N, C-alpha and C. Protein backbone atom coordinates (compact mmCIF):
# COMPACT_ATOMS: atom_id res chain seq x y z
N UNK A 1 0.94 -1.18 -0.14
CA UNK A 1 -0.02 0.06 -0.07
C UNK A 1 0.75 1.24 -0.08
N UNK A 2 1.95 1.28 0.78
CA UNK A 2 2.84 2.32 0.89
C UNK A 2 3.52 2.55 -0.41
N UNK A 3 3.88 1.66 -1.11
CA UNK A 3 4.61 1.86 -2.35
C UNK A 3 3.60 2.42 -3.51
N UNK A 4 2.31 1.94 -3.45
CA UNK A 4 1.35 2.46 -4.35
C UNK A 4 1.05 3.86 -4.07
N UNK A 5 1.08 4.26 -2.93
CA UNK A 5 0.72 5.73 -2.58
C UNK A 5 1.84 6.55 -2.95
N UNK A 6 3.17 6.14 -2.72
CA UNK A 6 4.28 6.91 -2.92
C UNK A 6 4.31 7.29 -4.46
N UNK A 7 4.02 6.32 -5.25
CA UNK A 7 3.99 6.49 -6.74
C UNK A 7 3.28 7.75 -7.12
N UNK A 8 2.17 8.09 -6.29
CA UNK A 8 1.48 9.39 -6.79
C UNK A 8 1.70 10.44 -6.17
N UNK A 9 2.62 10.57 -5.08
CA UNK A 9 2.97 11.55 -4.43
C UNK A 9 4.16 12.43 -5.04
N UNK A 10 4.34 13.74 -4.83
CA UNK A 10 5.47 14.53 -5.65
C UNK A 10 6.82 13.88 -5.14
N UNK A 11 7.72 14.16 -6.09
CA UNK A 11 9.13 13.64 -5.93
C UNK A 11 9.64 14.16 -4.78
N UNK A 12 9.33 15.36 -4.18
CA UNK A 12 9.89 15.95 -2.95
C UNK A 12 9.59 15.11 -1.69
N UNK A 13 8.41 14.39 -1.80
CA UNK A 13 7.97 13.62 -0.69
C UNK A 13 8.46 12.09 -0.72
N UNK A 14 8.46 11.68 -1.99
CA UNK A 14 8.75 10.26 -2.23
C UNK A 14 10.04 9.77 -1.63
N UNK A 15 11.05 10.46 -1.75
CA UNK A 15 12.33 9.91 -1.12
C UNK A 15 12.22 9.77 0.41
N UNK A 16 11.49 10.46 0.90
CA UNK A 16 11.34 10.34 2.55
C UNK A 16 10.82 9.18 2.72
N UNK A 17 9.65 8.69 2.11
CA UNK A 17 8.91 7.35 2.36
C UNK A 17 9.73 6.22 1.90
N UNK A 18 10.46 6.39 0.86
CA UNK A 18 11.36 5.19 0.39
C UNK A 18 12.65 4.97 1.31
N UNK A 19 12.94 6.17 2.14
CA UNK A 19 14.25 5.94 2.89
C UNK A 19 13.98 5.84 4.33
N UNK A 20 12.80 6.24 4.78
CA UNK A 20 12.45 6.35 6.27
C UNK A 20 12.27 4.92 6.83
N UNK A 21 12.87 4.63 8.00
CA UNK A 21 12.88 3.36 8.66
C UNK A 21 11.48 3.10 9.12
N UNK A 22 10.65 4.19 9.15
CA UNK A 22 9.26 3.87 9.80
C UNK A 22 8.64 3.04 8.82
N UNK A 23 8.68 3.14 7.54
CA UNK A 23 8.06 2.35 6.46
C UNK A 23 8.76 1.17 6.14
N UNK A 24 9.77 0.85 6.67
CA UNK A 24 10.53 -0.38 6.25
C UNK A 24 10.20 -1.62 7.12
N UNK A 25 9.72 -2.76 6.44
CA UNK A 25 9.24 -3.83 7.19
C UNK A 25 10.15 -4.98 6.80
N UNK A 26 10.88 -5.71 7.84
CA UNK A 26 11.66 -6.65 7.60
C UNK A 26 11.09 -7.88 7.21
N UNK A 27 11.40 -8.37 6.02
CA UNK A 27 10.88 -9.75 5.64
C UNK A 27 11.97 -10.68 5.58
N UNK A 28 11.69 -11.89 5.96
CA UNK A 28 12.55 -13.08 5.87
C UNK A 28 12.11 -14.10 4.99
N UNK A 29 12.98 -14.95 4.57
CA UNK A 29 12.64 -16.08 3.70
C UNK A 29 11.73 -17.03 4.35
N UNK A 30 11.99 -17.22 5.84
CA UNK A 30 11.07 -18.26 6.44
C UNK A 30 10.05 -17.27 7.27
N UNK A 31 9.26 -16.47 6.54
CA UNK A 31 8.15 -15.62 7.09
C UNK A 31 7.14 -16.67 7.58
N UNK A 32 6.48 -16.17 8.70
CA UNK A 32 5.56 -16.96 9.42
C UNK A 32 4.21 -16.82 8.45
N UNK A 33 3.37 -17.94 8.65
CA UNK A 33 2.26 -17.80 7.77
C UNK A 33 1.43 -16.76 8.51
N UNK A 34 0.35 -16.27 7.52
CA UNK A 34 -0.46 -15.05 8.00
C UNK A 34 -1.31 -15.54 9.25
N UNK A 35 -1.74 -16.75 9.26
CA UNK A 35 -2.47 -17.14 10.48
C UNK A 35 -1.93 -17.38 11.75
N UNK A 36 -0.39 -17.40 11.65
CA UNK A 36 0.39 -17.49 12.76
C UNK A 36 0.95 -16.26 13.34
N UNK A 37 0.73 -15.17 12.76
CA UNK A 37 1.42 -13.93 13.00
C UNK A 37 0.87 -13.60 14.46
N UNK A 38 1.74 -13.08 15.22
CA UNK A 38 1.37 -12.47 16.52
C UNK A 38 1.61 -10.95 16.53
N UNK A 39 1.25 -10.31 17.37
CA UNK A 39 1.15 -8.74 17.41
C UNK A 39 2.59 -8.17 17.36
N UNK A 40 3.66 -9.02 17.87
CA UNK A 40 4.96 -8.52 17.69
C UNK A 40 5.60 -8.67 16.34
N UNK A 41 4.97 -9.36 15.51
CA UNK A 41 5.60 -9.73 14.17
C UNK A 41 5.53 -8.46 13.41
N UNK A 42 6.74 -8.16 12.49
CA UNK A 42 6.78 -6.98 11.87
C UNK A 42 5.68 -7.16 10.73
N UNK A 43 5.05 -8.21 10.44
CA UNK A 43 4.02 -8.24 9.29
C UNK A 43 2.53 -8.23 9.86
N UNK A 44 2.41 -8.00 11.16
CA UNK A 44 1.13 -8.03 11.70
C UNK A 44 0.59 -6.63 11.55
N UNK A 45 -0.67 -6.32 11.41
CA UNK A 45 -1.35 -5.03 11.25
C UNK A 45 -1.37 -4.36 12.76
N UNK A 46 -1.18 -5.12 13.73
CA UNK A 46 -1.14 -4.60 15.07
C UNK A 46 0.22 -4.33 15.55
N UNK A 47 1.20 -4.48 14.49
CA UNK A 47 2.67 -4.22 14.85
C UNK A 47 2.78 -2.54 15.13
N UNK A 48 3.61 -2.21 16.16
CA UNK A 48 3.69 -0.86 16.43
C UNK A 48 4.15 0.01 15.26
N UNK A 49 5.03 -0.57 14.37
CA UNK A 49 5.44 0.22 13.22
C UNK A 49 4.26 0.54 12.31
N UNK A 50 3.34 -0.45 12.01
CA UNK A 50 2.22 -0.42 11.12
C UNK A 50 1.30 0.66 11.71
N UNK A 51 1.13 0.54 13.15
CA UNK A 51 0.19 1.49 13.69
C UNK A 51 0.62 3.09 13.59
N UNK A 52 1.87 3.28 13.69
CA UNK A 52 2.47 4.55 13.48
C UNK A 52 2.27 4.92 12.00
N UNK A 53 2.58 4.22 11.13
CA UNK A 53 2.50 4.40 9.68
C UNK A 53 1.09 4.83 9.39
N UNK A 54 0.09 4.05 9.82
CA UNK A 54 -1.45 4.42 9.56
C UNK A 54 -1.75 5.72 9.97
N UNK A 55 -1.20 6.09 11.10
CA UNK A 55 -1.57 7.43 11.81
C UNK A 55 -0.95 8.40 11.07
N UNK A 56 0.30 8.23 10.49
CA UNK A 56 0.91 9.27 9.85
C UNK A 56 0.28 9.45 8.39
N UNK A 57 -0.20 8.35 7.83
CA UNK A 57 -0.76 8.54 6.47
C UNK A 57 -2.12 9.24 6.54
N UNK A 58 -2.81 8.91 7.64
CA UNK A 58 -4.16 9.51 7.72
C UNK A 58 -3.98 11.00 8.06
N UNK A 59 -2.97 11.41 8.91
CA UNK A 59 -2.67 12.88 9.14
C UNK A 59 -2.30 13.46 7.79
N UNK A 60 -1.47 12.99 6.95
CA UNK A 60 -0.98 13.54 5.78
C UNK A 60 -2.18 13.60 4.83
N UNK A 61 -3.21 12.74 4.67
CA UNK A 61 -4.20 12.77 3.93
C UNK A 61 -5.12 13.97 4.21
N UNK A 62 -5.30 14.08 5.54
CA UNK A 62 -6.03 15.17 5.95
C UNK A 62 -5.52 16.49 5.73
N UNK A 63 -4.18 16.61 5.69
CA UNK A 63 -3.71 17.87 5.33
C UNK A 63 -3.56 18.15 3.81
N UNK A 64 -3.39 17.12 3.01
CA UNK A 64 -3.63 17.33 1.46
C UNK A 64 -4.89 17.62 1.07
N UNK A 65 -6.04 17.08 1.68
CA UNK A 65 -7.26 17.36 1.33
C UNK A 65 -7.70 18.79 1.64
N UNK A 66 -6.95 19.32 2.70
CA UNK A 66 -7.47 20.68 3.02
C UNK A 66 -6.55 21.80 2.46
N UNK A 67 -5.65 21.48 1.53
CA UNK A 67 -4.78 22.31 0.73
C UNK A 67 -5.58 23.08 -0.40
N UNK A 68 -6.70 22.61 -0.80
CA UNK A 68 -7.38 23.31 -1.93
C UNK A 68 -7.95 24.61 -1.52
N UNK A 69 -8.41 24.74 -0.30
CA UNK A 69 -8.81 26.18 0.36
C UNK A 69 -8.08 26.63 1.40
N UNK A 70 -6.97 26.25 1.52
CA UNK A 70 -5.96 26.71 2.71
C UNK A 70 -5.66 28.22 2.57
N UNK A 71 -5.38 28.64 1.35
CA UNK A 71 -5.02 29.91 1.17
C UNK A 71 -6.14 30.95 0.79
N UNK A 72 -7.35 30.53 0.66
CA UNK A 72 -8.38 31.40 0.38
C UNK A 72 -8.71 32.25 1.55
N UNK A 73 -9.05 33.56 1.29
CA UNK A 73 -9.31 34.39 2.50
C UNK A 73 -10.68 34.16 2.94
N UNK A 74 -10.67 34.38 4.29
CA UNK A 74 -11.95 34.24 5.05
C UNK A 74 -13.01 35.51 4.59
N UNK A 75 -14.27 34.99 4.53
CA UNK A 75 -15.18 36.17 4.06
C UNK A 75 -15.12 37.35 4.99
N UNK A 76 -14.69 37.32 6.17
CA UNK A 76 -14.61 38.51 7.07
C UNK A 76 -13.27 39.21 7.04
N UNK A 77 -12.24 38.72 6.23
CA UNK A 77 -11.01 39.38 6.17
C UNK A 77 -11.15 40.70 5.54
N UNK A 78 -10.29 41.58 5.82
CA UNK A 78 -10.19 42.88 5.26
C UNK A 78 -9.96 42.76 3.81
N UNK A 79 -9.12 41.96 3.15
CA UNK A 79 -8.74 41.89 1.83
C UNK A 79 -10.04 41.34 1.07
N UNK A 80 -10.66 40.42 1.65
CA UNK A 80 -11.95 39.85 1.07
C UNK A 80 -13.17 40.95 0.93
N UNK A 81 -13.25 41.68 1.84
CA UNK A 81 -14.22 42.88 2.06
C UNK A 81 -13.93 43.92 1.07
N UNK A 82 -12.70 44.20 0.99
CA UNK A 82 -12.16 45.30 0.08
C UNK A 82 -12.50 44.89 -1.40
N UNK A 83 -12.09 43.65 -1.72
CA UNK A 83 -12.39 43.23 -3.17
C UNK A 83 -13.75 43.01 -3.40
N UNK A 84 -14.57 42.57 -2.31
CA UNK A 84 -16.08 42.28 -2.68
C UNK A 84 -16.66 43.70 -2.93
N UNK A 85 -16.25 44.67 -2.17
CA UNK A 85 -16.61 46.22 -2.49
C UNK A 85 -16.25 46.64 -3.96
N UNK A 86 -14.98 46.21 -4.48
CA UNK A 86 -14.61 46.61 -5.75
C UNK A 86 -15.54 45.80 -6.71
N UNK A 87 -15.84 44.60 -6.48
CA UNK A 87 -16.76 43.79 -7.28
C UNK A 87 -18.07 44.46 -7.56
N UNK A 88 -18.64 44.92 -6.30
CA UNK A 88 -19.87 45.60 -6.39
C UNK A 88 -19.87 46.92 -7.24
N UNK A 89 -18.79 47.64 -6.95
CA UNK A 89 -18.66 48.84 -7.77
C UNK A 89 -18.54 48.71 -9.33
N UNK A 90 -17.76 47.60 -9.64
CA UNK A 90 -17.54 47.19 -11.02
C UNK A 90 -18.80 46.99 -11.78
N UNK A 91 -19.59 46.14 -11.05
CA UNK A 91 -20.82 45.55 -11.67
C UNK A 91 -22.12 46.34 -11.33
N UNK A 92 -22.34 46.65 -10.05
CA UNK A 92 -23.52 47.35 -9.74
C UNK A 92 -23.71 48.81 -10.43
N UNK A 93 -22.36 49.47 -10.61
CA UNK A 93 -22.46 50.67 -11.25
C UNK A 93 -21.94 50.61 -12.54
N UNK A 94 -20.76 49.83 -12.79
CA UNK A 94 -20.20 49.96 -14.07
C UNK A 94 -21.13 49.07 -15.20
N UNK A 95 -21.47 47.90 -14.72
CA UNK A 95 -22.25 47.15 -15.78
C UNK A 95 -23.70 47.36 -15.64
N UNK A 96 -24.27 47.34 -14.39
CA UNK A 96 -25.73 47.48 -14.40
C UNK A 96 -26.18 48.97 -14.72
N UNK A 97 -25.33 49.86 -14.40
CA UNK A 97 -25.82 51.30 -14.72
C UNK A 97 -24.81 52.06 -15.76
N UNK A 98 -23.99 51.32 -16.32
CA UNK A 98 -23.16 51.97 -17.43
C UNK A 98 -22.31 53.17 -16.82
N UNK A 99 -21.94 53.13 -15.67
CA UNK A 99 -21.19 54.27 -15.16
C UNK A 99 -19.65 54.13 -15.39
N UNK A 100 -19.32 54.73 -16.56
CA UNK A 100 -18.04 54.62 -17.04
C UNK A 100 -16.96 55.50 -16.21
N UNK A 101 -17.46 56.45 -15.58
CA UNK A 101 -16.66 57.18 -14.67
C UNK A 101 -16.10 56.39 -13.49
N UNK A 102 -16.92 55.55 -13.09
CA UNK A 102 -16.56 54.53 -11.84
C UNK A 102 -15.45 53.64 -12.63
N UNK A 103 -15.73 53.07 -13.70
CA UNK A 103 -14.87 52.15 -14.32
C UNK A 103 -13.35 52.61 -14.44
N UNK A 104 -13.31 54.02 -14.88
CA UNK A 104 -12.02 54.45 -15.18
C UNK A 104 -11.23 54.51 -13.78
N UNK A 105 -11.91 54.71 -12.68
CA UNK A 105 -11.05 54.61 -11.42
C UNK A 105 -10.56 53.22 -11.06
N UNK A 106 -11.51 52.25 -11.36
CA UNK A 106 -11.21 50.97 -10.87
C UNK A 106 -10.31 50.06 -11.87
N UNK A 107 -10.32 50.41 -13.14
CA UNK A 107 -9.78 49.55 -14.05
C UNK A 107 -8.19 50.06 -14.20
N UNK A 108 -7.21 49.16 -14.20
CA UNK A 108 -5.93 49.52 -14.33
C UNK A 108 -5.62 49.88 -16.02
N UNK A 109 -4.73 50.82 -16.12
CA UNK A 109 -4.35 51.23 -17.53
C UNK A 109 -3.82 50.18 -18.38
N UNK A 110 -3.19 49.11 -17.75
CA UNK A 110 -2.82 47.95 -18.54
C UNK A 110 -3.78 46.88 -18.43
N UNK A 111 -4.86 46.91 -19.06
CA UNK A 111 -6.16 46.12 -18.91
C UNK A 111 -6.29 45.09 -20.10
N UNK A 112 -6.82 43.92 -19.65
CA UNK A 112 -7.12 43.07 -20.81
C UNK A 112 -8.24 42.18 -20.33
N UNK A 113 -9.20 41.94 -21.07
CA UNK A 113 -10.53 41.15 -20.87
C UNK A 113 -10.47 39.94 -21.90
N UNK A 114 -10.69 38.81 -21.34
CA UNK A 114 -10.87 37.57 -22.12
C UNK A 114 -12.29 36.96 -21.96
N UNK A 115 -12.93 36.81 -23.01
CA UNK A 115 -14.28 36.13 -22.99
C UNK A 115 -14.38 34.95 -23.75
N UNK A 116 -15.04 33.98 -23.29
CA UNK A 116 -15.06 32.64 -23.94
C UNK A 116 -15.88 32.62 -25.15
N UNK A 117 -16.72 33.74 -25.30
CA UNK A 117 -17.69 33.80 -26.55
C UNK A 117 -17.48 35.14 -27.45
N UNK A 118 -17.08 36.13 -26.60
CA UNK A 118 -16.94 37.48 -27.32
C UNK A 118 -15.56 37.83 -27.72
N UNK A 119 -14.52 36.93 -27.35
CA UNK A 119 -13.12 37.30 -27.80
C UNK A 119 -12.35 38.14 -26.64
N UNK A 120 -11.48 38.97 -27.14
CA UNK A 120 -10.49 39.71 -26.39
C UNK A 120 -10.71 41.27 -26.64
N UNK A 121 -10.79 42.02 -25.45
CA UNK A 121 -10.61 43.34 -25.32
C UNK A 121 -9.26 43.65 -24.77
N UNK A 122 -8.29 44.23 -25.53
CA UNK A 122 -6.95 44.28 -25.04
C UNK A 122 -6.55 45.61 -24.57
N UNK A 123 -7.46 46.57 -24.18
CA UNK A 123 -7.21 47.82 -23.54
C UNK A 123 -8.41 48.25 -22.72
N UNK A 124 -8.08 49.15 -21.92
CA UNK A 124 -8.86 49.84 -20.95
C UNK A 124 -9.86 50.64 -21.87
N UNK A 125 -9.44 51.50 -22.77
CA UNK A 125 -10.38 52.27 -23.47
C UNK A 125 -11.34 51.47 -24.27
N UNK A 126 -11.03 50.49 -24.91
CA UNK A 126 -11.87 49.63 -25.73
C UNK A 126 -13.06 49.05 -24.75
N UNK A 127 -12.65 48.51 -23.55
CA UNK A 127 -13.52 48.04 -22.67
C UNK A 127 -14.57 49.16 -22.18
N UNK A 128 -14.08 50.20 -21.82
CA UNK A 128 -14.84 51.34 -21.32
C UNK A 128 -15.89 51.83 -22.48
N UNK A 129 -15.24 51.90 -23.49
CA UNK A 129 -16.19 52.41 -24.89
C UNK A 129 -17.32 51.49 -25.14
N UNK A 130 -17.16 50.27 -24.90
CA UNK A 130 -18.12 49.09 -25.20
C UNK A 130 -19.19 49.10 -24.05
N UNK A 131 -18.91 49.53 -23.01
CA UNK A 131 -19.84 49.43 -21.83
C UNK A 131 -21.14 50.00 -22.02
N UNK A 132 -21.24 51.36 -22.47
CA UNK A 132 -22.45 52.11 -22.65
C UNK A 132 -23.52 51.28 -23.72
N UNK A 133 -22.93 50.38 -24.49
CA UNK A 133 -23.84 49.57 -25.24
C UNK A 133 -24.74 48.70 -24.56
N UNK A 134 -24.25 48.33 -23.32
CA UNK A 134 -25.16 47.58 -22.52
C UNK A 134 -26.46 48.26 -22.17
N UNK A 135 -26.43 49.49 -22.03
CA UNK A 135 -27.70 50.29 -21.88
C UNK A 135 -28.50 50.74 -23.21
N UNK A 136 -28.10 50.18 -24.31
CA UNK A 136 -28.68 50.62 -25.45
C UNK A 136 -29.47 49.29 -25.92
N UNK A 137 -29.36 48.31 -25.31
CA UNK A 137 -30.06 47.10 -25.85
C UNK A 137 -31.64 47.09 -25.76
N UNK A 138 -32.27 46.14 -26.35
CA UNK A 138 -33.75 46.25 -26.20
C UNK A 138 -34.20 45.75 -24.93
N UNK A 139 -33.42 45.34 -23.88
CA UNK A 139 -33.84 45.02 -22.59
C UNK A 139 -32.79 45.47 -21.82
N UNK A 140 -33.04 45.61 -20.35
CA UNK A 140 -32.11 46.07 -19.47
C UNK A 140 -31.40 44.93 -18.81
N UNK A 141 -29.98 45.03 -19.06
CA UNK A 141 -29.16 43.75 -18.51
C UNK A 141 -28.63 44.09 -17.16
N UNK A 142 -28.57 43.14 -16.32
CA UNK A 142 -28.05 43.21 -15.06
C UNK A 142 -27.27 41.96 -14.62
N UNK A 143 -26.44 42.27 -13.79
CA UNK A 143 -25.58 41.11 -13.27
C UNK A 143 -25.67 40.89 -11.85
N UNK A 144 -25.79 39.63 -11.35
CA UNK A 144 -25.89 39.35 -9.81
C UNK A 144 -24.73 38.23 -9.67
N UNK A 145 -24.14 38.59 -8.40
CA UNK A 145 -23.13 37.60 -7.89
C UNK A 145 -23.98 36.64 -7.12
N UNK A 146 -23.56 35.11 -7.53
CA UNK A 146 -24.11 34.16 -6.78
C UNK A 146 -23.56 34.02 -5.29
N UNK A 147 -24.42 33.93 -4.40
CA UNK A 147 -24.23 34.13 -2.91
C UNK A 147 -23.18 32.98 -2.63
N UNK A 148 -22.21 33.13 -1.88
CA UNK A 148 -21.21 32.18 -1.24
C UNK A 148 -20.27 31.68 -2.46
N UNK A 149 -20.29 32.29 -3.61
CA UNK A 149 -19.34 31.69 -4.52
C UNK A 149 -17.98 32.36 -4.71
N UNK A 150 -18.01 33.58 -4.03
CA UNK A 150 -16.91 34.42 -4.20
C UNK A 150 -15.60 34.07 -3.34
N UNK A 151 -14.44 33.86 -3.92
CA UNK A 151 -13.22 33.46 -3.25
C UNK A 151 -12.13 34.59 -3.64
N UNK A 152 -11.25 34.82 -2.73
CA UNK A 152 -10.15 35.59 -2.83
C UNK A 152 -8.83 34.98 -2.37
N UNK A 153 -7.77 35.03 -3.28
CA UNK A 153 -6.52 34.40 -2.86
C UNK A 153 -5.51 35.59 -3.14
N UNK A 154 -4.65 35.86 -1.97
CA UNK A 154 -3.66 36.99 -1.95
C UNK A 154 -2.43 36.55 -2.83
N UNK A 155 -1.77 37.44 -3.40
CA UNK A 155 -0.58 37.34 -4.06
C UNK A 155 0.51 38.16 -3.39
N UNK A 156 1.62 37.48 -3.17
CA UNK A 156 2.78 38.15 -2.42
C UNK A 156 4.00 38.14 -3.20
N UNK A 157 4.83 39.17 -2.97
CA UNK A 157 6.33 39.20 -3.54
C UNK A 157 7.16 39.44 -2.29
N UNK A 158 7.92 38.25 -2.07
CA UNK A 158 8.93 38.40 -0.85
C UNK A 158 8.07 38.86 0.35
N UNK A 159 6.87 38.38 0.64
CA UNK A 159 6.16 38.78 1.81
C UNK A 159 5.27 39.92 1.59
N UNK A 160 5.49 40.71 0.72
CA UNK A 160 4.81 41.98 0.41
C UNK A 160 3.53 41.74 -0.58
N UNK A 161 2.24 42.16 0.01
CA UNK A 161 0.98 41.96 -0.80
C UNK A 161 1.01 42.84 -1.94
N UNK A 162 1.00 42.27 -3.24
CA UNK A 162 0.87 43.24 -4.33
C UNK A 162 -0.41 43.08 -5.30
N UNK A 163 -1.11 41.84 -4.96
CA UNK A 163 -2.18 41.55 -5.81
C UNK A 163 -3.11 40.53 -5.13
N UNK A 164 -4.11 40.19 -5.88
CA UNK A 164 -5.05 39.02 -5.39
C UNK A 164 -5.86 38.54 -6.67
N UNK A 165 -6.19 37.43 -6.47
CA UNK A 165 -7.14 36.65 -7.59
C UNK A 165 -8.49 36.61 -6.77
N UNK A 166 -9.39 36.98 -7.59
CA UNK A 166 -10.80 36.97 -7.06
C UNK A 166 -11.57 36.01 -8.15
N UNK A 167 -12.32 35.10 -7.69
CA UNK A 167 -13.09 34.27 -8.53
C UNK A 167 -14.40 33.90 -7.99
N UNK A 168 -15.41 33.59 -8.91
CA UNK A 168 -16.73 33.30 -8.35
C UNK A 168 -17.68 33.07 -9.61
N UNK A 169 -18.97 32.93 -9.36
CA UNK A 169 -19.93 32.72 -10.33
C UNK A 169 -20.93 33.79 -10.33
N UNK A 170 -21.30 34.13 -11.46
CA UNK A 170 -22.41 35.16 -11.51
C UNK A 170 -23.40 34.95 -12.55
N UNK A 171 -24.60 35.54 -12.40
CA UNK A 171 -25.76 35.38 -13.31
C UNK A 171 -26.14 36.55 -13.93
N UNK A 172 -26.57 36.58 -15.16
CA UNK A 172 -26.91 37.74 -15.98
C UNK A 172 -28.49 37.65 -16.23
N UNK A 173 -29.25 38.84 -15.96
CA UNK A 173 -30.66 38.72 -16.13
C UNK A 173 -30.97 39.79 -17.29
N UNK A 174 -32.27 39.59 -17.72
CA UNK A 174 -32.74 40.59 -18.67
C UNK A 174 -34.21 41.10 -18.05
N UNK A 175 -34.36 42.40 -18.21
CA UNK A 175 -35.53 42.98 -17.71
C UNK A 175 -36.30 43.78 -18.88
N UNK A 176 -37.42 43.25 -19.35
CA UNK A 176 -38.12 43.88 -20.42
C UNK A 176 -39.42 44.52 -19.94
N UNK A 177 -39.82 45.54 -20.51
CA UNK A 177 -41.17 46.23 -20.06
C UNK A 177 -42.34 45.27 -20.21
N UNK A 178 -43.07 45.06 -18.92
CA UNK A 178 -44.19 44.17 -18.96
C UNK A 178 -43.99 42.61 -19.03
N UNK A 179 -42.78 42.39 -18.70
CA UNK A 179 -42.27 41.02 -18.52
C UNK A 179 -41.51 40.79 -17.22
N UNK A 180 -41.69 39.69 -16.51
CA UNK A 180 -40.84 39.40 -15.42
C UNK A 180 -39.39 39.34 -15.79
N UNK A 181 -38.61 39.65 -14.90
CA UNK A 181 -37.07 39.52 -15.09
C UNK A 181 -36.75 38.05 -15.30
N UNK A 182 -35.91 37.75 -16.27
CA UNK A 182 -35.52 36.36 -16.63
C UNK A 182 -33.98 36.23 -16.87
N UNK A 183 -33.47 35.03 -16.42
CA UNK A 183 -32.11 34.72 -16.50
C UNK A 183 -31.61 34.59 -18.04
N UNK A 184 -30.59 35.06 -18.33
CA UNK A 184 -30.00 34.87 -19.83
C UNK A 184 -28.84 33.88 -19.77
N UNK A 185 -28.04 33.99 -18.67
CA UNK A 185 -26.79 33.24 -18.65
C UNK A 185 -26.17 33.16 -17.22
N UNK A 186 -25.34 32.07 -16.87
CA UNK A 186 -24.64 31.93 -15.87
C UNK A 186 -23.11 31.64 -16.34
N UNK A 187 -22.16 32.34 -15.58
CA UNK A 187 -20.80 32.17 -15.98
C UNK A 187 -19.95 32.19 -14.76
N UNK A 188 -18.70 31.74 -14.95
CA UNK A 188 -17.60 31.91 -14.04
C UNK A 188 -16.66 33.01 -14.35
N UNK A 189 -16.09 33.63 -13.32
CA UNK A 189 -15.12 34.68 -13.66
C UNK A 189 -13.84 34.69 -12.69
N UNK A 190 -12.73 35.07 -13.31
CA UNK A 190 -11.60 35.13 -12.57
C UNK A 190 -11.07 36.53 -12.68
N UNK A 191 -10.73 37.29 -11.72
CA UNK A 191 -10.26 38.70 -11.83
C UNK A 191 -8.73 38.68 -11.09
N UNK A 192 -8.04 39.36 -11.77
CA UNK A 192 -6.53 39.70 -11.19
C UNK A 192 -6.72 41.11 -10.72
N UNK A 193 -6.67 41.40 -9.54
CA UNK A 193 -6.40 42.77 -8.91
C UNK A 193 -4.97 43.03 -8.47
N UNK A 194 -4.66 44.31 -8.79
CA UNK A 194 -3.25 44.64 -8.32
C UNK A 194 -3.29 45.95 -7.49
N UNK A 195 -2.35 46.22 -6.68
CA UNK A 195 -2.12 47.34 -5.95
C UNK A 195 -1.47 48.40 -6.60
N UNK A 196 -2.08 49.68 -6.99
CA UNK A 196 -1.51 50.54 -7.84
C UNK A 196 -1.51 51.86 -7.02
N UNK A 197 -0.41 52.25 -6.32
CA UNK A 197 -0.44 53.47 -5.44
C UNK A 197 -1.35 53.28 -4.37
N UNK A 198 -1.27 52.13 -3.78
CA UNK A 198 -2.18 51.67 -2.60
C UNK A 198 -3.61 51.57 -2.79
N UNK A 199 -4.01 51.57 -4.25
CA UNK A 199 -5.32 51.40 -4.67
C UNK A 199 -5.56 50.09 -5.45
N UNK A 200 -6.63 49.46 -5.21
CA UNK A 200 -6.98 48.20 -5.88
C UNK A 200 -7.48 48.46 -7.28
N UNK A 201 -6.74 47.96 -8.31
CA UNK A 201 -7.29 48.06 -9.69
C UNK A 201 -7.25 46.72 -10.44
N UNK A 202 -8.36 46.79 -11.25
CA UNK A 202 -8.61 45.42 -11.91
C UNK A 202 -7.67 45.57 -13.22
N UNK A 203 -6.89 44.45 -13.32
CA UNK A 203 -5.86 44.35 -14.38
C UNK A 203 -6.22 43.28 -15.53
N UNK A 204 -6.66 42.22 -15.01
CA UNK A 204 -7.00 41.11 -15.98
C UNK A 204 -8.37 40.57 -15.51
N UNK A 205 -9.22 40.21 -16.64
CA UNK A 205 -10.44 39.42 -16.55
C UNK A 205 -10.72 38.25 -17.36
N UNK A 206 -10.93 37.12 -16.79
CA UNK A 206 -11.39 35.96 -17.47
C UNK A 206 -12.90 35.63 -17.31
N UNK A 207 -13.61 35.59 -18.35
CA UNK A 207 -15.12 35.47 -18.29
C UNK A 207 -15.29 34.19 -19.12
N UNK A 208 -15.78 32.93 -18.47
CA UNK A 208 -15.76 31.87 -19.13
C UNK A 208 -16.97 30.90 -18.66
N UNK A 209 -17.11 29.85 -19.27
CA UNK A 209 -18.13 28.76 -19.06
C UNK A 209 -19.65 29.36 -18.82
N UNK A 210 -19.90 30.15 -19.98
CA UNK A 210 -21.24 30.63 -20.12
C UNK A 210 -22.22 29.67 -20.29
N UNK A 211 -23.18 29.56 -19.44
CA UNK A 211 -24.22 28.57 -19.78
C UNK A 211 -25.68 29.39 -19.96
N UNK A 212 -26.37 28.97 -20.88
CA UNK A 212 -27.64 29.76 -21.29
C UNK A 212 -28.67 28.64 -20.78
N UNK A 213 -29.76 29.03 -20.06
CA UNK A 213 -30.84 28.14 -19.47
C UNK A 213 -31.37 27.43 -20.51
N UNK A 214 -31.62 26.18 -20.33
CA UNK A 214 -32.20 25.11 -21.27
C UNK A 214 -31.28 24.54 -22.35
N UNK A 215 -29.96 24.93 -22.24
CA UNK A 215 -28.95 24.36 -23.28
C UNK A 215 -28.20 23.37 -22.51
């Protein structure tokens, strides 16, 4: 079992298991039959070495399973709340109300937007110039963040915070006169925020996995 597990672990971990005496079990040509093993036998599952090994493997598994969210910021952290506010300004004012003045303050001069259906906008000006078109459509477009989907991951350079990755799921709705509001699509997003003169600005946007209801 140990050999099989080691083959799937990183090379930085593998040598430890291969060389550690904790995982070495002495085998002899005249091994005792399985039904005659006593608790002191090195092949018994009640042997102290086996017990230590199982405890160590269980502890390591718990650690590995927890690493996927280990570095995500808690929803009550200052960084999470700051970027949650930026997300609100970006969409509630920028997208939902076509407030380009707000966008100019939030968006970094070196800005790029990647969309899985509409292609690339490779500049801040292109993005801002296209935003008012949202308010010229035959229906009123709005965006809503899916509750509890927002995650924030800080980025450091030698211990100094310089940016953060923000990701989540959002829904887009349409409102037409005389009709109830309806869902047009759901998508995932990943935003790269950077500190510029101590102000958070949006530098990169990935908008992907758009799903239209019924498709």
